[in-house]
Amino acid sequence: MSKRDYYEVLGVSKDANPDEIKRAYRKKAMQYHPDRNADDPSAETKFKEAAEAFDVLKDDNKRARYDQFGHAGMNGGGFGGGANYQDIDFEDIFSRFGDIFGGAAGGQQRSSRRRSAGVPGNDMKMTIKLTMEEVAFGVEKKLKVKKYSKCDSCRGTGAETDEDFMTCSSCNGTGEYRQVSRTMFGSFVNVQPCPSCNGEGRTIKRKCSSCGGDGRTRNEETISVKIPAGVSTNNYITLRGQGNAGLRGGPAGDLIVVIEEKEHEYFERDGDHIFYDLQISIPDAILGTEVEVPTLKGKAKLRVEPGTQSGKLLRMKEKGIQRLNSSLRGDQFVRVNVFIPKKISDSERKLVEDLRQADHFDPLKQTESENGFFSRLKNIFS
């Protein structure tokens, strides 16, 4: 069967410029794509015919030979024969002219790339417990991690030598198994990793004697991780490439370090602030005192003013936890608790009885300026 004129196939004149030829081909290819013409058996033939025409007319040298000799100039005879598009999968035609279609085949993304060598390694997760002091100021920790590491003997390839690799005979090195099925709704391409080479595109003739072809061995490594100040429980840090090594040179997974904060002996945490409960005696609350309290950096002195009420919060500025990713630091709050003894001696009881009779120890007799709450309470019920 004689071939039609290439200009006629694309529907352009013989003096059409490259842009006009390119637009015409795109229009024809989209018009006759078999996925869009399930009921027209001739569509695929027309699709390939347009591809063949474009292959010639887009090339200045081929086009000049075609204009001078016609189809004879494309079929050998010292002219450099053209491609036989009748024997090419129409999906491959789209890949050849990806600059025309943007890598898409009839709206379906083409996937014919070869997988990178090896199989990616798994991510790992481990929990690290930190004291509140470590959380407040940041810390660097050394972690002992049992994991798969790259085999030293084969440098992770899994082969005894570099010459022991060969192209997979099942997929011809593509790493994929493709199956095209045609239905009443069009053609569907199912792409799966090649089962023979696990999608790698190559197989090993002689496996590494140290790792048995895996490209990795099991061992223990010490990994350093810097914990920034201000982290909280369930925050995590991802160490890229510090997880299990991949099979046969595949990229390593990540190591995910999850933070867990230990309960502190003295402090409670609320965001960037910390709270400490201070017990003082009744005389100290009345007369005032200076006490020594713990902080995240050791002991510090704190002044308790005369007449301090139980439950009062005393602020120690910037003695708390540094805010995550910031230079700001929270405060330490000291919660005053006036200690009330449960057991007292007879002489102590006598002293307390005497204090009970004193006006300054009767809240209902205080002026509003001295004890506003009890004064207002008295007015409400009087």
Protein backbone atom coordinates (compact mmCIF):
# COMPACT_ATOMS: atom_id res chain seq x y z
CA MET A 1 0.00 0.00 0.00
CA SER A 2 1.51 3.32 -1.06
CA LYS A 3 2.09 5.98 1.53
CA ARG A 4 0.22 9.26 1.49
CA ASP A 5 2.04 12.52 1.05
CA TYR A 6 3.39 13.71 4.44
CA TYR A 7 2.13 17.26 3.93
CA GLU A 8 -1.31 15.86 3.13
CA VAL A 9 -1.21 13.66 6.24
CA LEU A 10 -0.62 16.66 8.48
CA GLY A 11 -2.85 18.97 6.45
CA VAL A 12 -0.23 21.66 5.86
CA SER A 13 1.20 23.33 2.77
CA LYS A 14 4.67 22.52 1.42
CA ASP A 15 5.97 25.90 2.56
CA ALA A 16 4.66 25.49 6.16
CA ASN A 17 7.09 26.69 8.80
CA PRO A 18 8.25 24.44 11.74
CA ASP A 19 5.71 25.91 14.18
CA GLU A 20 2.82 25.24 11.80
CA ILE A 21 4.03 21.65 11.30
CA LYS A 22 4.34 21.15 15.04
CA ARG A 23 0.82 22.46 15.73
CA ALA A 24 -0.64 20.35 12.94
CA TYR A 25 0.99 17.19 14.25
CA ARG A 26 -0.20 17.78 17.79
CA LYS A 27 -3.76 18.28 16.51
CA LYS A 28 -3.67 15.07 14.43
CA ALA A 29 -2.08 13.02 17.21
CA MET A 30 -4.70 14.08 19.71
CA GLN A 31 -7.47 13.52 17.15
CA TYR A 32 -6.43 9.95 16.34
CA HIS A 33 -5.11 8.75 19.70
CA PRO A 34 -6.54 5.21 20.12
CA ASP A 35 -7.70 5.96 23.68
CA ARG A 36 -10.08 8.50 22.20
CA ASN A 37 -11.19 6.29 19.31
CA ALA A 38 -12.01 2.93 20.85
CA ASP A 39 -14.63 2.24 18.16
CA ASP A 40 -12.36 3.15 15.22
CA PRO A 41 -9.75 0.44 14.40
CA SER A 42 -8.10 2.74 11.86
CA ALA A 43 -7.32 5.45 14.42
CA GLU A 44 -4.06 3.86 15.55
CA THR A 45 -2.86 3.59 11.93
CA LYS A 46 -3.62 7.28 11.33
CA PHE A 47 -1.95 8.15 14.63
CA LYS A 48 1.27 6.40 13.58
CA GLU A 49 1.04 7.85 10.07
CA ALA A 50 0.98 11.38 11.53
CA ALA A 51 3.97 10.56 13.78
CA GLU A 52 5.97 9.31 10.79
CA ALA A 53 5.12 12.44 8.80
CA PHE A 54 6.14 14.73 11.63
CA ASP A 55 9.40 12.82 12.20
CA VAL A 56 10.43 13.66 8.63
CA LEU A 57 9.08 17.20 8.23
CA LYS A 58 10.40 18.50 11.58
CA ASP A 59 13.98 17.66 10.52
CA ASP A 60 15.46 20.06 7.95
CA ASN A 61 17.71 17.41 6.33
CA LYS A 62 15.02 14.74 6.11
CA ARG A 63 12.51 17.28 4.83
CA ALA A 64 14.91 18.39 2.08
CA ARG A 65 15.47 14.79 0.97
CA TYR A 66 11.71 14.13 1.04
CA ASP A 67 10.97 17.26 -0.99
CA GLN A 68 13.54 16.14 -3.62
CA PHE A 69 13.06 12.35 -3.72
CA GLY A 70 9.69 11.72 -2.04
CA HIS A 71 9.21 8.53 0.00
CA ALA A 72 12.10 6.91 -1.86
CA GLY A 73 14.47 9.27 -0.10
CA MET A 74 13.32 7.92 3.25
CA ASN A 75 13.80 4.21 2.52
CA GLY A 76 17.51 3.51 2.38
CA GLY A 77 19.48 3.78 -0.87
CA GLY A 78 22.23 5.64 0.93
CA PHE A 79 19.84 8.31 2.19
CA GLY A 80 19.56 7.07 5.79
CA GLY A 81 16.23 5.31 6.15
CA GLY A 82 13.49 6.71 8.36
CA ALA A 83 11.81 4.98 11.31
CA ASN A 84 9.10 2.42 10.66
CA TYR A 85 6.38 3.79 12.92
CA GLN A 86 3.99 0.96 12.06
CA ASP A 87 6.09 -1.30 14.30
CA ILE A 88 6.24 1.10 17.27
CA ASP A 89 3.88 1.16 20.26
CA PHE A 90 1.83 4.35 20.11
CA GLU A 91 2.73 5.02 23.77
CA ASP A 92 6.40 5.10 22.74
CA ILE A 93 5.56 7.65 20.08
CA PHE A 94 4.41 10.05 22.81
CA SER A 95 7.66 9.52 24.70
CA ARG A 96 9.69 10.31 21.56
CA PHE A 97 7.90 13.62 21.13
CA GLY A 98 7.58 14.55 24.82
CA ASP A 99 8.38 18.19 24.01
CA ILE A 100 5.14 18.28 22.00
CA PHE A 101 2.88 16.64 24.58
CA GLY A 102 4.57 17.68 27.82
CA GLY A 103 5.22 14.07 28.79
CA ALA A 104 1.50 13.17 28.70
CA ALA A 105 -0.13 10.44 26.67
CA GLY A 106 -3.74 11.36 26.02
CA GLY A 107 -4.03 12.88 29.51
CA GLN A 108 -2.37 9.88 31.19
CA GLN A 109 1.12 10.41 32.63
CA ARG A 110 3.65 8.18 30.96
CA SER A 111 5.66 6.00 33.33
CA SER A 112 8.45 4.22 31.51
CA ARG A 113 11.42 5.36 33.56
CA ARG A 114 13.84 2.87 34.96
CA ARG A 115 13.90 2.65 38.70
CA SER A 116 17.08 3.73 40.39
CA ALA A 117 19.38 0.87 41.35
CA GLY A 118 18.50 -0.83 44.58
CA VAL A 119 15.52 -0.78 46.90
CA PRO A 120 15.11 2.11 49.40
CA GLY A 121 15.78 1.25 53.04
CA ASN A 122 13.13 1.43 55.76
CA ASP A 123 12.74 4.35 58.13
CA MET A 124 13.49 3.75 61.80
CA LYS A 125 11.97 5.31 64.91
CA MET A 126 13.38 5.53 68.39
CA THR A 127 12.40 7.42 71.55
CA ILE A 128 14.85 9.49 73.58
CA LYS A 129 14.10 10.61 77.15
CA LEU A 130 15.25 14.07 78.21
CA THR A 131 15.42 15.83 81.57
CA MET A 132 13.78 19.23 81.91
CA GLU A 133 17.24 20.77 82.13
CA GLU A 134 18.16 19.26 78.75
CA VAL A 135 14.89 20.51 77.30
CA ALA A 136 15.47 24.01 78.68
CA PHE A 137 18.94 24.54 77.25
CA GLY A 138 19.27 21.98 74.43
CA VAL A 139 21.64 19.04 74.35
CA GLU A 140 23.62 16.81 72.02
CA LYS A 141 23.04 13.08 72.46
CA LYS A 142 24.89 10.01 71.23
CA LEU A 143 22.51 7.28 70.11
CA LYS A 144 23.49 3.64 69.71
CA VAL A 145 21.40 2.33 66.84
CA LYS A 146 21.19 -1.28 65.63
CA LYS A 147 20.42 -1.12 61.93
CA TYR A 148 21.31 -2.30 58.44
CA SER A 149 24.37 -0.49 57.07
CA LYS A 150 25.98 -0.48 53.63
CA CYS A 151 28.18 -3.53 53.07
CA ASP A 152 31.85 -2.53 53.10
CA SER A 153 32.92 -5.38 50.82
CA CYS A 154 30.71 -4.52 47.85
CA ARG A 155 30.05 -0.86 48.72
CA GLY A 156 26.35 -1.63 48.87
CA THR A 157 25.92 -2.98 45.34
CA GLY A 158 25.36 -6.61 46.34
CA ALA A 159 27.66 -7.89 43.59
CA GLU A 160 31.03 -9.53 44.05
CA THR A 161 32.52 -7.19 41.41
CA ASP A 162 31.23 -4.40 39.18
CA GLU A 163 31.37 -6.80 36.22
CA ASP A 164 28.83 -9.13 37.87
CA PHE A 165 25.81 -7.04 36.82
CA MET A 166 23.75 -7.82 33.75
CA THR A 167 20.69 -6.26 32.20
CA CYS A 168 17.46 -7.96 33.24
CA SER A 169 16.29 -10.17 30.40
CA SER A 170 12.64 -9.93 31.43
CA CYS A 171 12.28 -6.15 31.16
CA ASN A 172 15.34 -5.31 29.03
CA GLY A 173 16.57 -2.94 31.71
CA THR A 174 13.46 -0.79 32.05
CA GLY A 175 12.60 -2.16 35.48
CA GLU A 176 8.93 -2.32 34.50
CA TYR A 177 6.37 -4.83 33.38
CA ARG A 178 3.76 -3.13 31.19
CA GLN A 179 0.50 -4.66 30.11
CA VAL A 180 -1.86 -2.87 27.69
CA SER A 181 -5.50 -3.92 27.79
CA ARG A 182 -8.14 -2.64 25.42
CA THR A 183 -11.73 -2.27 26.54
CA MET A 184 -14.84 -0.60 25.24
CA PHE A 185 -13.75 2.48 27.22
CA GLY A 186 -10.32 2.68 25.59
CA SER A 187 -6.82 1.37 26.19
CA PHE A 188 -5.39 1.02 29.68
CA VAL A 189 -1.73 0.55 30.51
CA ASN A 190 -0.91 -1.27 33.74
CA VAL A 191 2.68 -0.65 34.86
CA GLN A 192 4.23 -2.83 37.58
CA PRO A 193 7.81 -3.27 38.82
CA CYS A 194 9.47 -6.11 36.98
CA PRO A 195 9.20 -9.22 39.23
CA SER A 196 12.49 -10.65 37.95
CA CYS A 197 14.66 -7.71 39.01
CA ASN A 198 12.32 -6.07 41.53
CA GLY A 199 12.17 -2.98 39.34
CA GLU A 200 15.93 -2.39 39.28
CA GLY A 201 16.46 -3.19 35.62
CA ARG A 202 19.46 -5.41 36.30
CA THR A 203 20.34 -8.69 37.96
CA ILE A 204 23.48 -10.05 39.64
CA LYS A 205 25.48 -12.99 38.30
CA ARG A 206 27.73 -13.40 41.36
CA LYS A 207 26.46 -12.12 44.69
CA CYS A 208 28.73 -10.57 47.30
CA SER A 209 30.06 -13.23 49.66
CA SER A 210 29.84 -10.90 52.67
CA CYS A 211 26.22 -9.77 52.41
CA GLY A 212 24.73 -12.46 50.16
CA GLY A 213 23.65 -9.93 47.55
CA ASP A 214 21.70 -7.62 49.88
CA GLY A 215 24.33 -4.90 49.77
CA ARG A 216 24.01 -4.36 53.52
CA THR A 217 24.92 -5.92 56.84
CA ARG A 218 23.48 -5.72 60.35
CA ASN A 219 25.53 -3.81 62.92
CA GLU A 220 25.44 -1.09 65.58
CA GLU A 221 26.29 2.53 64.90
CA THR A 222 26.69 5.56 67.16
CA ILE A 223 24.79 8.53 65.77
CA SER A 224 24.97 12.06 67.12
CA VAL A 225 21.81 14.16 67.31
CA LYS A 226 21.47 17.78 68.42
CA ILE A 227 18.29 18.48 70.37
CA PRO A 228 17.31 22.17 70.28
CA ALA A 229 16.08 23.92 73.41
CA GLY A 230 12.31 24.09 73.90
CA VAL A 231 11.21 20.72 72.54
CA SER A 232 8.25 18.90 74.07
CA THR A 233 7.01 15.34 74.41
CA ASN A 234 6.03 13.86 71.02
CA ASN A 235 8.12 16.38 69.08
CA TYR A 236 10.44 14.55 66.73
CA ILE A 237 13.63 15.12 64.78
CA THR A 238 14.19 13.47 61.40
CA LEU A 239 17.75 12.45 60.59
CA ARG A 240 17.82 12.05 56.82
CA GLY A 241 19.59 8.96 55.53
CA GLN A 242 20.38 7.63 59.01
CA GLY A 243 17.85 4.77 58.90
CA ASN A 244 18.30 1.32 57.43
CA ALA A 245 20.49 1.09 54.33
CA GLY A 246 18.68 0.14 51.12
CA LEU A 247 19.05 -3.17 49.34
CA ARG A 248 21.77 -3.31 46.67
CA GLY A 249 22.74 0.34 46.83
CA GLY A 250 19.26 1.76 47.35
CA PRO A 251 18.99 5.01 49.33
CA ALA A 252 18.94 4.70 53.12
CA GLY A 253 15.79 5.44 55.09
CA ASP A 254 15.47 8.10 57.78
CA LEU A 255 15.89 7.87 61.54
CA ILE A 256 13.04 9.55 63.39
CA VAL A 257 13.94 10.53 66.97
CA VAL A 258 10.84 11.05 69.14
CA ILE A 259 11.17 13.23 72.25
CA GLU A 260 9.86 12.14 75.65
CA GLU A 261 10.30 14.49 78.61
CA LYS A 262 11.02 12.98 82.01
CA GLU A 263 8.98 14.05 85.04
CA HIS A 264 10.96 16.50 87.17
CA GLU A 265 11.52 16.17 90.90
CA TYR A 266 10.57 19.80 91.65
CA PHE A 267 9.08 21.53 88.63
CA GLU A 268 5.90 21.42 86.59
CA ARG A 269 6.04 22.70 83.03
CA ASP A 270 3.47 24.87 81.29
CA GLY A 271 4.78 25.78 77.85
CA ASP A 272 7.90 27.89 78.35
CA HIS A 273 7.18 28.52 82.04
CA ILE A 274 7.89 26.28 85.03
CA PHE A 275 6.25 26.19 88.47
CA TYR A 276 7.70 25.34 91.87
CA ASP A 277 5.79 24.86 95.15
CA LEU A 278 7.42 26.59 98.12
CA GLN A 279 6.42 25.73 101.69
CA ILE A 280 6.92 28.49 104.27
CA SER A 281 5.94 28.78 107.89
CA ILE A 282 3.25 31.07 109.29
CA PRO A 283 5.83 33.37 110.94
CA ASP A 284 7.80 33.62 107.66
CA ALA A 285 4.62 34.48 105.75
CA ILE A 286 3.82 37.18 108.31
CA LEU A 287 7.27 38.64 108.82
CA GLY A 288 8.82 37.93 105.43
CA THR A 289 11.97 35.99 104.75
CA GLU A 290 14.64 35.14 102.22
CA VAL A 291 14.71 31.56 101.00
CA GLU A 292 16.82 29.47 98.67
CA VAL A 293 14.90 27.74 95.86
CA PRO A 294 16.02 25.36 93.12
CA THR A 295 16.16 26.53 89.48
CA LEU A 296 17.09 24.75 86.26
CA LYS A 297 20.61 26.12 86.73
CA GLY A 298 21.08 25.44 90.44
CA LYS A 299 20.05 27.27 93.62
CA ALA A 300 18.91 30.91 93.72
CA LYS A 301 17.77 33.25 96.51
CA LEU A 302 14.21 34.55 96.59
CA ARG A 303 12.71 37.29 98.78
CA VAL A 304 9.30 36.60 100.35
CA GLU A 305 7.70 39.87 101.35
CA PRO A 306 5.96 40.30 104.77
CA GLY A 307 2.28 39.42 104.66
CA THR A 308 2.58 37.09 101.68
CA GLN A 309 -0.64 35.10 101.28
CA SER A 310 -0.79 31.38 100.63
CA GLY A 311 -1.18 30.68 96.91
CA LYS A 312 0.65 33.82 95.78
CA LEU A 313 2.86 33.41 92.71
CA LEU A 314 6.33 34.91 92.85
CA ARG A 315 7.96 35.45 89.46
CA MET A 316 11.60 34.69 88.71
CA LYS A 317 12.13 36.29 85.32
CA GLU A 318 13.71 34.22 82.50
CA LYS A 319 14.40 31.22 84.73
CA GLY A 320 12.17 28.95 82.65
CA ILE A 321 12.59 27.11 79.33
CA GLN A 322 13.92 28.65 76.15
CA ARG A 323 11.25 28.87 73.48
CA LEU A 324 11.74 26.51 70.53
CA ASN A 325 13.59 28.21 67.65
CA SER A 326 13.78 31.47 69.59
CA SER A 327 16.10 33.31 71.96
CA LEU A 328 13.21 34.13 74.31
CA ARG A 329 13.01 32.27 77.61
CA GLY A 330 10.07 31.63 79.91
CA ASP A 331 9.84 32.41 83.63
CA GLN A 332 9.91 30.38 86.81
CA PHE A 333 6.93 30.90 89.08
CA VAL A 334 7.16 30.05 92.77
CA ARG A 335 3.81 29.18 94.31
CA VAL A 336 3.80 30.04 98.02
CA ASN A 337 2.11 27.57 100.35
CA VAL A 338 1.84 28.55 104.02
CA PHE A 339 2.42 25.47 106.11
CA ILE A 340 -0.29 24.69 108.72
CA PRO A 341 0.83 22.12 111.31
CA LYS A 342 -1.61 19.37 112.26
CA LYS A 343 -0.14 18.75 115.69
CA ILE A 344 1.04 21.38 118.18
CA SER A 345 2.16 21.38 121.82
CA ASP A 346 0.21 22.90 124.73
CA SER A 347 2.48 25.93 124.82
CA GLU A 348 2.09 26.43 121.09
CA ARG A 349 -1.66 26.12 121.43
CA LYS A 350 -1.59 28.89 124.04
CA LEU A 351 0.30 31.17 121.64
CA VAL A 352 -2.16 30.49 118.87
CA GLU A 353 -5.12 31.16 121.19
CA ASP A 354 -3.59 34.52 122.06
CA LEU A 355 -3.13 35.32 118.34
CA ARG A 356 -6.75 34.39 117.68
CA GLN A 357 -7.87 37.19 119.98
CA ALA A 358 -5.65 39.77 118.23
CA ASP A 359 -7.45 42.06 115.77
CA HIS A 360 -4.82 41.68 113.05
CA PHE A 361 -5.46 37.94 112.93
CA ASP A 362 -9.22 38.37 112.45
CA PRO A 363 -9.87 38.80 108.71
CA LEU A 364 -13.30 40.31 109.34
CA LYS A 365 -11.79 43.15 111.33
CA GLN A 366 -9.27 44.21 108.68
CA THR A 367 -9.75 47.37 106.65
CA GLU A 368 -10.46 47.03 102.95
CA SER A 369 -6.98 48.21 102.09
CA GLU A 370 -5.42 45.50 104.24
CA ASN A 371 -7.71 42.68 103.28
CA GLY A 372 -10.17 43.73 100.60
CA PHE A 373 -11.61 40.27 99.97
CA PHE A 374 -12.73 39.57 103.52
CA SER A 375 -14.04 43.12 103.94
CA ARG A 376 -16.17 42.84 100.80
CA LEU A 377 -17.34 39.40 101.94
CA LYS A 378 -18.47 40.88 105.27
CA ASN A 379 -20.39 43.68 103.50
CA ILE A 380 -22.18 41.17 101.29
CA PHE A 381 -23.59 39.16 104.18
CA SER A 382 -24.25 42.07 106.56
